[in-house]
Amino acid sequence: MTSEEIEKRIAELGKEISADYAGKDLVLVGVLRGSAYFLVDLTRKMHIPFAIDFISISHYHDQGEGAGVVRITKDLDLSITDKHVLIIEDIVDTGLSLGYLLRNLKTRNPADLNVCTLLNVEARRIVEVPVKYKGFDMPNVFVVGYGLDYKEKYRNLQFIAEFDRRKETR
């Protein structure tokens, strides 16, 4: 996906979100780290007031104790009670982490809670999660760039490209 395609789609999402949330007390919640690039560019295309906060979660993939455990490593600083909350994700694939996050944030009594993701990978979905705004539907391939990484590398690419992890030497 080229930087031009990304920029065009983000402008469309910004316009749609601005229309849907006009006159509402909106909080954008960026899921660190991958969403940072998307969140910043998206906010530049929005034309309504909003607050921004960040949350970070870890998902343990090991096979031992704690396998499949999700935990919050950086919580919100703002209260979201009675606010319209839009979670900003870089990619939604299995839905496991996002499902956990949605359940957790719902307990904080937001006025509503929705999701905006740059990339949506339905083929990997294990847990169904509602995604209101999607940048692009993607096949089940590993990608890097525009905030998406492999071992913390390649986030800064201005485009999104398929990445073959088997060819990575380090």
N, C-alpha and C. Protein backbone atom coordinates (compact mmCIF):
# COMPACT_ATOMS: atom_id res chain seq x y z
N MET A 1 0.84 -1.17 0.00
CA MET A 1 0.00 0.00 0.00
C MET A 1 0.89 1.23 0.00
N THR A 2 0.65 2.12 -0.92
CA THR A 2 1.50 3.30 -1.05
C THR A 2 1.13 4.37 -0.03
N SER A 3 2.05 5.29 0.17
CA SER A 3 1.77 6.40 1.09
C SER A 3 0.60 7.23 0.58
N GLU A 4 0.44 7.34 -0.74
CA GLU A 4 -0.67 8.10 -1.31
C GLU A 4 -2.01 7.42 -1.03
N GLU A 5 -2.05 6.09 -1.14
CA GLU A 5 -3.27 5.35 -0.85
C GLU A 5 -3.64 5.48 0.63
N ILE A 6 -2.65 5.41 1.48
CA ILE A 6 -2.88 5.56 2.93
C ILE A 6 -3.41 6.95 3.24
N GLU A 7 -2.75 7.96 2.69
CA GLU A 7 -3.16 9.35 2.93
C GLU A 7 -4.59 9.60 2.48
N LYS A 8 -4.95 9.10 1.31
CA LYS A 8 -6.30 9.29 0.78
C LYS A 8 -7.35 8.63 1.68
N ARG A 9 -7.06 7.41 2.11
CA ARG A 9 -8.04 6.68 2.94
C ARG A 9 -8.17 7.33 4.31
N ILE A 10 -7.08 7.81 4.87
CA ILE A 10 -7.14 8.48 6.17
C ILE A 10 -7.95 9.77 6.08
N ALA A 11 -7.83 10.49 4.98
CA ALA A 11 -8.64 11.71 4.79
C ALA A 11 -10.12 11.35 4.77
N GLU A 12 -10.48 10.26 4.11
CA GLU A 12 -11.87 9.81 4.08
C GLU A 12 -12.36 9.43 5.47
N LEU A 13 -11.53 8.71 6.22
CA LEU A 13 -11.91 8.33 7.58
C LEU A 13 -12.06 9.55 8.47
N GLY A 14 -11.15 10.51 8.36
CA GLY A 14 -11.23 11.73 9.16
C GLY A 14 -12.53 12.49 8.91
N LYS A 15 -12.93 12.55 7.67
CA LYS A 15 -14.18 13.23 7.30
C LYS A 15 -15.39 12.47 7.88
N GLU A 16 -15.39 11.16 7.76
CA GLU A 16 -16.49 10.33 8.26
C GLU A 16 -16.60 10.42 9.79
N ILE A 17 -15.48 10.30 10.47
CA ILE A 17 -15.48 10.37 11.94
C ILE A 17 -15.91 11.75 12.40
N SER A 18 -15.43 12.80 11.74
CA SER A 18 -15.82 14.17 12.10
C SER A 18 -17.32 14.35 11.98
N ALA A 19 -17.93 13.81 10.93
CA ALA A 19 -19.38 13.91 10.76
C ALA A 19 -20.12 13.12 11.83
N ASP A 20 -19.65 11.92 12.11
CA ASP A 20 -20.34 11.05 13.08
C ASP A 20 -20.26 11.57 14.51
N TYR A 21 -19.18 12.26 14.85
CA TYR A 21 -18.97 12.69 16.23
C TYR A 21 -19.13 14.20 16.43
N ALA A 22 -19.63 14.89 15.45
CA ALA A 22 -19.84 16.34 15.59
C ALA A 22 -20.74 16.61 16.79
N GLY A 23 -20.32 17.54 17.64
CA GLY A 23 -21.10 17.92 18.80
C GLY A 23 -21.03 16.95 19.97
N LYS A 24 -20.19 15.94 19.88
CA LYS A 24 -20.06 14.95 20.96
C LYS A 24 -18.73 15.11 21.67
N ASP A 25 -18.69 14.70 22.92
CA ASP A 25 -17.48 14.76 23.73
C ASP A 25 -16.64 13.52 23.42
N LEU A 26 -15.72 13.64 22.47
CA LEU A 26 -14.98 12.53 21.93
C LEU A 26 -13.59 12.40 22.55
N VAL A 27 -13.22 11.16 22.89
CA VAL A 27 -11.87 10.84 23.32
C VAL A 27 -11.32 9.78 22.37
N LEU A 28 -10.21 10.09 21.74
CA LEU A 28 -9.51 9.12 20.90
C LEU A 28 -8.51 8.40 21.79
N VAL A 29 -8.55 7.07 21.77
CA VAL A 29 -7.63 6.27 22.58
C VAL A 29 -6.72 5.50 21.64
N GLY A 30 -5.48 5.95 21.56
CA GLY A 30 -4.49 5.27 20.72
C GLY A 30 -3.88 4.09 21.46
N VAL A 31 -3.84 2.95 20.77
CA VAL A 31 -3.23 1.76 21.35
C VAL A 31 -1.76 1.76 20.93
N LEU A 32 -0.90 1.94 21.93
CA LEU A 32 0.53 2.04 21.66
C LEU A 32 1.13 0.69 21.34
N ARG A 33 2.12 0.67 20.49
CA ARG A 33 2.84 1.74 19.87
C ARG A 33 2.40 1.94 18.43
N GLY A 34 1.93 0.87 17.83
CA GLY A 34 1.68 0.87 16.40
C GLY A 34 0.73 1.92 15.89
N SER A 35 -0.24 2.33 16.70
CA SER A 35 -1.25 3.27 16.21
C SER A 35 -0.78 4.71 16.14
N ALA A 36 0.38 5.01 16.69
CA ALA A 36 0.82 6.41 16.81
C ALA A 36 0.85 7.14 15.47
N TYR A 37 1.40 6.52 14.45
CA TYR A 37 1.48 7.17 13.13
C TYR A 37 0.08 7.42 12.57
N PHE A 38 -0.74 6.40 12.63
CA PHE A 38 -2.11 6.49 12.14
C PHE A 38 -2.91 7.53 12.91
N LEU A 39 -2.80 7.51 14.22
CA LEU A 39 -3.55 8.45 15.07
C LEU A 39 -3.20 9.90 14.73
N VAL A 40 -1.92 10.19 14.64
CA VAL A 40 -1.50 11.56 14.35
C VAL A 40 -2.04 12.02 12.99
N ASP A 41 -1.87 11.20 11.97
CA ASP A 41 -2.35 11.60 10.65
C ASP A 41 -3.87 11.69 10.59
N LEU A 42 -4.55 10.79 11.28
CA LEU A 42 -6.01 10.83 11.33
C LEU A 42 -6.51 12.13 11.97
N THR A 43 -5.90 12.51 13.09
CA THR A 43 -6.35 13.73 13.77
C THR A 43 -6.15 14.97 12.92
N ARG A 44 -5.17 14.96 12.06
CA ARG A 44 -4.94 16.11 11.17
C ARG A 44 -6.03 16.23 10.12
N LYS A 45 -6.80 15.17 9.91
CA LYS A 45 -7.90 15.18 8.93
C LYS A 45 -9.25 15.32 9.60
N MET A 46 -9.27 15.45 10.92
CA MET A 46 -10.53 15.63 11.64
C MET A 46 -10.75 17.12 11.91
N HIS A 47 -12.01 17.51 11.88
CA HIS A 47 -12.34 18.94 12.01
C HIS A 47 -13.32 19.19 13.14
N ILE A 48 -13.19 18.42 14.21
CA ILE A 48 -14.03 18.56 15.39
C ILE A 48 -13.13 18.54 16.62
N PRO A 49 -13.62 19.04 17.76
CA PRO A 49 -12.81 18.95 18.99
C PRO A 49 -12.77 17.51 19.49
N PHE A 50 -11.66 17.14 20.12
CA PHE A 50 -11.50 15.81 20.71
C PHE A 50 -10.35 15.86 21.71
N ALA A 51 -10.32 14.88 22.58
CA ALA A 51 -9.19 14.68 23.48
C ALA A 51 -8.47 13.41 23.00
N ILE A 52 -7.19 13.32 23.34
CA ILE A 52 -6.39 12.15 22.97
C ILE A 52 -5.79 11.56 24.24
N ASP A 53 -5.84 10.23 24.33
CA ASP A 53 -5.15 9.52 25.39
C ASP A 53 -4.56 8.25 24.79
N PHE A 54 -3.71 7.60 25.54
CA PHE A 54 -3.05 6.39 25.06
C PHE A 54 -3.16 5.28 26.08
N ILE A 55 -3.19 4.06 25.57
CA ILE A 55 -3.18 2.87 26.41
C ILE A 55 -2.22 1.89 25.74
N SER A 56 -1.57 1.09 26.56
CA SER A 56 -0.66 0.08 26.02
C SER A 56 -0.98 -1.26 26.65
N ILE A 57 -1.00 -2.29 25.83
CA ILE A 57 -1.29 -3.63 26.33
C ILE A 57 -0.21 -4.58 25.84
N SER A 58 -0.01 -5.64 26.61
CA SER A 58 0.91 -6.70 26.22
C SER A 58 0.13 -7.99 26.13
N HIS A 59 0.45 -8.77 25.14
CA HIS A 59 -0.17 -10.07 24.94
C HIS A 59 0.95 -11.09 24.96
N TYR A 60 0.91 -11.97 25.93
CA TYR A 60 1.96 -12.97 26.06
C TYR A 60 1.67 -14.14 25.14
N HIS A 61 2.63 -14.48 24.28
CA HIS A 61 2.47 -15.54 23.28
C HIS A 61 3.21 -16.81 23.66
N ASP A 62 3.89 -16.81 24.81
CA ASP A 62 4.68 -18.01 25.15
C ASP A 62 3.78 -19.20 25.43
N GLN A 63 4.36 -20.36 25.47
CA GLN A 63 3.60 -21.59 25.67
C GLN A 63 3.53 -21.98 27.14
N GLY A 64 4.24 -21.29 27.99
CA GLY A 64 4.27 -21.63 29.41
C GLY A 64 3.18 -20.92 30.17
N GLU A 65 3.44 -20.74 31.44
CA GLU A 65 2.48 -20.05 32.31
C GLU A 65 2.25 -18.64 31.77
N GLY A 66 1.01 -18.22 31.74
CA GLY A 66 0.68 -16.90 31.25
C GLY A 66 0.36 -16.85 29.77
N ALA A 67 0.36 -18.00 29.11
CA ALA A 67 0.07 -18.01 27.66
C ALA A 67 -1.32 -17.44 27.42
N GLY A 68 -1.42 -16.53 26.48
CA GLY A 68 -2.71 -15.95 26.13
C GLY A 68 -3.16 -14.85 27.07
N VAL A 69 -2.34 -14.44 28.00
CA VAL A 69 -2.71 -13.42 28.98
C VAL A 69 -2.47 -12.04 28.38
N VAL A 70 -3.45 -11.18 28.53
CA VAL A 70 -3.34 -9.79 28.10
C VAL A 70 -3.34 -8.93 29.35
N ARG A 71 -2.46 -7.94 29.37
CA ARG A 71 -2.45 -7.02 30.52
C ARG A 71 -2.18 -5.60 30.03
N ILE A 72 -2.68 -4.65 30.78
CA ILE A 72 -2.46 -3.24 30.49
C ILE A 72 -1.11 -2.84 31.06
N THR A 73 -0.24 -2.28 30.23
CA THR A 73 1.07 -1.84 30.69
C THR A 73 1.15 -0.32 30.83
N LYS A 74 0.23 0.40 30.19
CA LYS A 74 0.09 1.85 30.36
C LYS A 74 -1.39 2.15 30.26
N ASP A 75 -1.97 2.64 31.35
CA ASP A 75 -3.41 2.89 31.39
C ASP A 75 -3.72 4.32 30.95
N LEU A 76 -5.00 4.57 30.74
CA LEU A 76 -5.45 5.91 30.37
C LEU A 76 -5.20 6.90 31.50
N ASP A 77 -4.94 8.14 31.14
CA ASP A 77 -4.82 9.21 32.12
C ASP A 77 -6.14 9.94 32.28
N LEU A 78 -6.96 9.95 31.24
CA LEU A 78 -8.25 10.64 31.26
C LEU A 78 -9.38 9.71 31.70
N SER A 79 -10.40 10.29 32.29
CA SER A 79 -11.62 9.53 32.57
C SER A 79 -12.43 9.47 31.27
N ILE A 80 -12.98 8.30 30.99
CA ILE A 80 -13.81 8.17 29.79
C ILE A 80 -15.29 8.01 30.15
N THR A 81 -15.63 8.14 31.41
CA THR A 81 -17.01 8.04 31.84
C THR A 81 -17.87 9.07 31.10
N ASP A 82 -18.95 8.60 30.50
CA ASP A 82 -19.90 9.43 29.74
C ASP A 82 -19.30 10.10 28.51
N LYS A 83 -18.14 9.67 28.07
CA LYS A 83 -17.50 10.22 26.87
C LYS A 83 -17.72 9.24 25.71
N HIS A 84 -17.67 9.77 24.51
CA HIS A 84 -17.71 8.95 23.30
C HIS A 84 -16.26 8.56 23.02
N VAL A 85 -15.98 7.27 23.06
CA VAL A 85 -14.61 6.78 22.97
C VAL A 85 -14.41 6.06 21.64
N LEU A 86 -13.35 6.44 20.95
CA LEU A 86 -12.98 5.79 19.70
C LEU A 86 -11.56 5.25 19.87
N ILE A 87 -11.46 3.92 19.91
CA ILE A 87 -10.15 3.27 20.00
C ILE A 87 -9.50 3.30 18.63
N ILE A 88 -8.25 3.73 18.59
CA ILE A 88 -7.51 3.80 17.33
C ILE A 88 -6.45 2.70 17.35
N GLU A 89 -6.57 1.76 16.42
CA GLU A 89 -5.65 0.62 16.31
C GLU A 89 -4.91 0.67 14.98
N ASP A 90 -3.72 0.11 14.95
CA ASP A 90 -3.00 -0.02 13.69
C ASP A 90 -3.53 -1.21 12.91
N ILE A 91 -3.78 -2.33 13.61
CA ILE A 91 -4.23 -3.54 12.94
C ILE A 91 -5.11 -4.35 13.88
N VAL A 92 -6.19 -4.88 13.36
CA VAL A 92 -7.03 -5.82 14.11
C VAL A 92 -6.96 -7.14 13.36
N ASP A 93 -6.41 -8.14 14.05
CA ASP A 93 -6.32 -9.45 13.41
C ASP A 93 -7.08 -10.50 14.22
N THR A 94 -6.48 -11.12 15.23
CA THR A 94 -7.18 -12.18 15.97
C THR A 94 -8.36 -11.64 16.78
N GLY A 95 -8.27 -10.40 17.22
CA GLY A 95 -9.31 -9.82 18.05
C GLY A 95 -9.14 -10.10 19.53
N LEU A 96 -8.15 -10.91 19.90
CA LEU A 96 -7.95 -11.27 21.31
C LEU A 96 -7.61 -10.05 22.17
N SER A 97 -6.60 -9.30 21.77
CA SER A 97 -6.19 -8.13 22.56
C SER A 97 -7.27 -7.05 22.54
N LEU A 98 -7.84 -6.81 21.37
CA LEU A 98 -8.88 -5.79 21.27
C LEU A 98 -10.11 -6.19 22.06
N GLY A 99 -10.47 -7.45 22.03
CA GLY A 99 -11.61 -7.94 22.82
C GLY A 99 -11.41 -7.66 24.30
N TYR A 100 -10.21 -7.95 24.79
CA TYR A 100 -9.87 -7.67 26.18
C TYR A 100 -9.98 -6.18 26.47
N LEU A 101 -9.44 -5.37 25.58
CA LEU A 101 -9.45 -3.92 25.77
C LEU A 101 -10.88 -3.37 25.78
N LEU A 102 -11.71 -3.84 24.87
CA LEU A 102 -13.11 -3.40 24.84
C LEU A 102 -13.83 -3.76 26.13
N ARG A 103 -13.65 -4.98 26.61
CA ARG A 103 -14.29 -5.39 27.86
C ARG A 103 -13.83 -4.51 29.02
N ASN A 104 -12.54 -4.23 29.08
CA ASN A 104 -11.99 -3.41 30.15
C ASN A 104 -12.55 -1.99 30.10
N LEU A 105 -12.53 -1.38 28.91
CA LEU A 105 -12.98 0.01 28.80
C LEU A 105 -14.49 0.16 29.01
N LYS A 106 -15.27 -0.85 28.67
CA LYS A 106 -16.72 -0.80 28.91
C LYS A 106 -17.04 -0.67 30.39
N THR A 107 -16.20 -1.22 31.25
CA THR A 107 -16.44 -1.13 32.69
C THR A 107 -16.28 0.30 33.21
N ARG A 108 -15.73 1.17 32.38
CA ARG A 108 -15.50 2.56 32.79
C ARG A 108 -16.65 3.48 32.36
N ASN A 109 -17.71 2.89 31.87
CA ASN A 109 -18.96 3.58 31.54
C ASN A 109 -18.85 4.71 30.52
N PRO A 110 -18.25 4.44 29.36
CA PRO A 110 -18.26 5.48 28.32
C PRO A 110 -19.67 5.62 27.74
N ALA A 111 -19.96 6.75 27.13
CA ALA A 111 -21.25 6.95 26.47
C ALA A 111 -21.39 5.94 25.33
N ASP A 112 -20.32 5.74 24.59
CA ASP A 112 -20.24 4.67 23.59
C ASP A 112 -18.78 4.36 23.36
N LEU A 113 -18.54 3.22 22.73
CA LEU A 113 -17.19 2.72 22.54
C LEU A 113 -17.11 2.08 21.16
N ASN A 114 -16.26 2.64 20.31
CA ASN A 114 -16.11 2.13 18.95
C ASN A 114 -14.63 1.97 18.61
N VAL A 115 -14.39 1.33 17.46
CA VAL A 115 -13.03 1.03 17.04
C VAL A 115 -12.80 1.55 15.62
N CYS A 116 -11.63 2.14 15.43
CA CYS A 116 -11.14 2.54 14.11
C CYS A 116 -9.78 1.89 13.94
N THR A 117 -9.62 1.13 12.87
CA THR A 117 -8.35 0.48 12.60
C THR A 117 -7.86 0.81 11.20
N LEU A 118 -6.58 0.93 11.07
CA LEU A 118 -6.01 1.15 9.74
C LEU A 118 -6.13 -0.12 8.91
N LEU A 119 -5.77 -1.27 9.51
CA LEU A 119 -5.80 -2.54 8.79
C LEU A 119 -6.70 -3.54 9.51
N ASN A 120 -7.52 -4.23 8.74
CA ASN A 120 -8.44 -5.23 9.28
C ASN A 120 -8.16 -6.56 8.61
N VAL A 121 -7.85 -7.58 9.41
CA VAL A 121 -7.50 -8.90 8.87
C VAL A 121 -8.52 -9.92 9.36
N GLU A 122 -9.66 -9.98 8.69
CA GLU A 122 -10.74 -10.90 9.07
C GLU A 122 -10.29 -12.36 9.07
N ALA A 123 -9.39 -12.73 8.17
CA ALA A 123 -8.97 -14.13 8.05
C ALA A 123 -8.30 -14.66 9.32
N ARG A 124 -7.80 -13.78 10.16
CA ARG A 124 -7.13 -14.21 11.41
C ARG A 124 -8.03 -14.12 12.62
N ARG A 125 -9.26 -13.66 12.45
CA ARG A 125 -10.13 -13.38 13.58
C ARG A 125 -10.48 -14.65 14.36
N ILE A 126 -10.21 -14.61 15.66
CA ILE A 126 -10.59 -15.67 16.59
C ILE A 126 -11.76 -15.19 17.44
N VAL A 127 -11.69 -13.94 17.87
CA VAL A 127 -12.74 -13.31 18.68
C VAL A 127 -13.39 -12.23 17.83
N GLU A 128 -14.69 -12.29 17.68
CA GLU A 128 -15.38 -11.25 16.91
C GLU A 128 -15.39 -9.96 17.71
N VAL A 129 -14.93 -8.91 17.09
CA VAL A 129 -14.91 -7.58 17.70
C VAL A 129 -15.52 -6.60 16.71
N PRO A 130 -16.27 -5.63 17.21
CA PRO A 130 -16.88 -4.65 16.31
C PRO A 130 -15.86 -3.62 15.85
N VAL A 131 -15.73 -3.47 14.55
CA VAL A 131 -14.83 -2.46 13.97
C VAL A 131 -15.71 -1.53 13.15
N LYS A 132 -15.90 -0.32 13.65
CA LYS A 132 -16.79 0.64 12.97
C LYS A 132 -16.11 1.30 11.77
N TYR A 133 -14.85 1.63 11.90
CA TYR A 133 -14.13 2.32 10.83
C TYR A 133 -12.90 1.49 10.44
N LYS A 134 -12.78 1.18 9.16
CA LYS A 134 -11.66 0.39 8.66
C LYS A 134 -10.96 1.15 7.55
N GLY A 135 -9.65 1.21 7.66
CA GLY A 135 -8.88 1.80 6.57
C GLY A 135 -8.84 0.86 5.38
N PHE A 136 -8.32 -0.34 5.62
CA PHE A 136 -8.17 -1.32 4.55
C PHE A 136 -8.41 -2.72 5.08
N ASP A 137 -9.11 -3.54 4.33
CA ASP A 137 -9.20 -4.97 4.62
C ASP A 137 -7.96 -5.61 4.01
N MET A 138 -7.34 -6.51 4.77
CA MET A 138 -6.08 -7.12 4.35
C MET A 138 -6.19 -8.63 4.35
N PRO A 139 -5.44 -9.29 3.47
CA PRO A 139 -5.34 -10.75 3.54
C PRO A 139 -4.44 -11.13 4.72
N ASN A 140 -4.35 -12.40 4.99
CA ASN A 140 -3.54 -12.90 6.10
C ASN A 140 -2.07 -12.95 5.71
N VAL A 141 -1.43 -11.77 5.69
CA VAL A 141 0.00 -11.66 5.43
C VAL A 141 0.61 -10.77 6.50
N PHE A 142 1.89 -10.94 6.76
CA PHE A 142 2.59 -10.12 7.74
C PHE A 142 3.08 -8.86 7.04
N VAL A 143 2.76 -7.71 7.63
CA VAL A 143 3.14 -6.44 7.01
C VAL A 143 3.90 -5.55 7.99
N VAL A 144 4.68 -4.65 7.42
CA VAL A 144 5.42 -3.66 8.20
C VAL A 144 5.23 -2.29 7.54
N GLY A 145 5.58 -1.28 8.31
CA GLY A 145 5.52 0.09 7.82
C GLY A 145 4.35 0.84 8.40
N TYR A 146 4.45 2.15 8.36
CA TYR A 146 3.41 3.04 8.84
C TYR A 146 2.96 2.67 10.26
N GLY A 147 3.93 2.43 11.12
CA GLY A 147 3.66 2.11 12.52
C GLY A 147 3.73 0.63 12.84
N LEU A 148 3.57 -0.21 11.84
CA LEU A 148 3.64 -1.66 12.06
C LEU A 148 5.09 -2.10 12.01
N ASP A 149 5.45 -3.00 12.93
CA ASP A 149 6.87 -3.34 13.05
C ASP A 149 7.13 -4.83 13.00
N TYR A 150 8.39 -5.13 12.86
CA TYR A 150 8.92 -6.47 13.10
C TYR A 150 10.09 -6.27 14.05
N LYS A 151 9.95 -6.77 15.27
CA LYS A 151 10.97 -6.61 16.31
C LYS A 151 11.39 -5.15 16.47
N GLU A 152 10.39 -4.27 16.49
CA GLU A 152 10.55 -2.82 16.67
C GLU A 152 11.23 -2.13 15.50
N LYS A 153 11.39 -2.79 14.38
CA LYS A 153 11.99 -2.17 13.18
C LYS A 153 10.90 -1.92 12.15
N TYR A 154 11.16 -1.01 11.25
CA TYR A 154 10.36 -0.72 10.05
C TYR A 154 9.10 0.12 10.30
N ARG A 155 8.86 0.56 11.53
CA ARG A 155 7.67 1.38 11.80
C ARG A 155 7.67 2.66 10.96
N ASN A 156 8.85 3.20 10.71
CA ASN A 156 8.97 4.51 10.08
C ASN A 156 8.78 4.51 8.57
N LEU A 157 8.58 3.36 7.96
CA LEU A 157 8.31 3.34 6.52
C LEU A 157 7.02 4.10 6.25
N GLN A 158 6.97 4.86 5.19
CA GLN A 158 5.78 5.66 4.89
C GLN A 158 4.75 4.89 4.08
N PHE A 159 5.01 3.64 3.83
CA PHE A 159 4.10 2.76 3.09
C PHE A 159 3.96 1.47 3.89
N ILE A 160 3.08 0.60 3.45
CA ILE A 160 2.89 -0.70 4.11
C ILE A 160 3.26 -1.78 3.10
N ALA A 161 4.10 -2.72 3.54
CA ALA A 161 4.57 -3.76 2.64
C ALA A 161 4.56 -5.12 3.34
N GLU A 162 4.34 -6.14 2.55
CA GLU A 162 4.43 -7.50 3.07
C GLU A 162 5.88 -7.76 3.47
N PHE A 163 6.06 -8.50 4.55
CA PHE A 163 7.39 -8.76 5.08
C PHE A 163 7.54 -10.25 5.34
N ASP A 164 8.59 -10.83 4.83
CA ASP A 164 8.86 -12.25 5.03
C ASP A 164 9.80 -12.40 6.21
N ARG A 165 9.26 -12.80 7.36
CA ARG A 165 10.07 -12.93 8.58
C ARG A 165 11.13 -14.01 8.45
N ARG A 166 10.96 -14.95 7.58
CA ARG A 166 11.94 -16.03 7.41
C ARG A 166 13.24 -15.51 6.81
N LYS A 167 13.17 -14.39 6.12
CA LYS A 167 14.38 -13.83 5.48
C LYS A 167 15.14 -12.88 6.41
N GLU A 168 14.55 -12.57 7.56
CA GLU A 168 15.20 -11.69 8.53
C GLU A 168 16.31 -12.45 9.22
N THR A 169 17.52 -11.90 9.16
CA THR A 169 18.67 -12.60 9.72
C THR A 169 18.89 -12.32 11.20
N ARG A 170 18.39 -11.21 11.68
CA ARG A 170 18.60 -10.89 13.11
C ARG A 170 17.28 -10.64 13.77
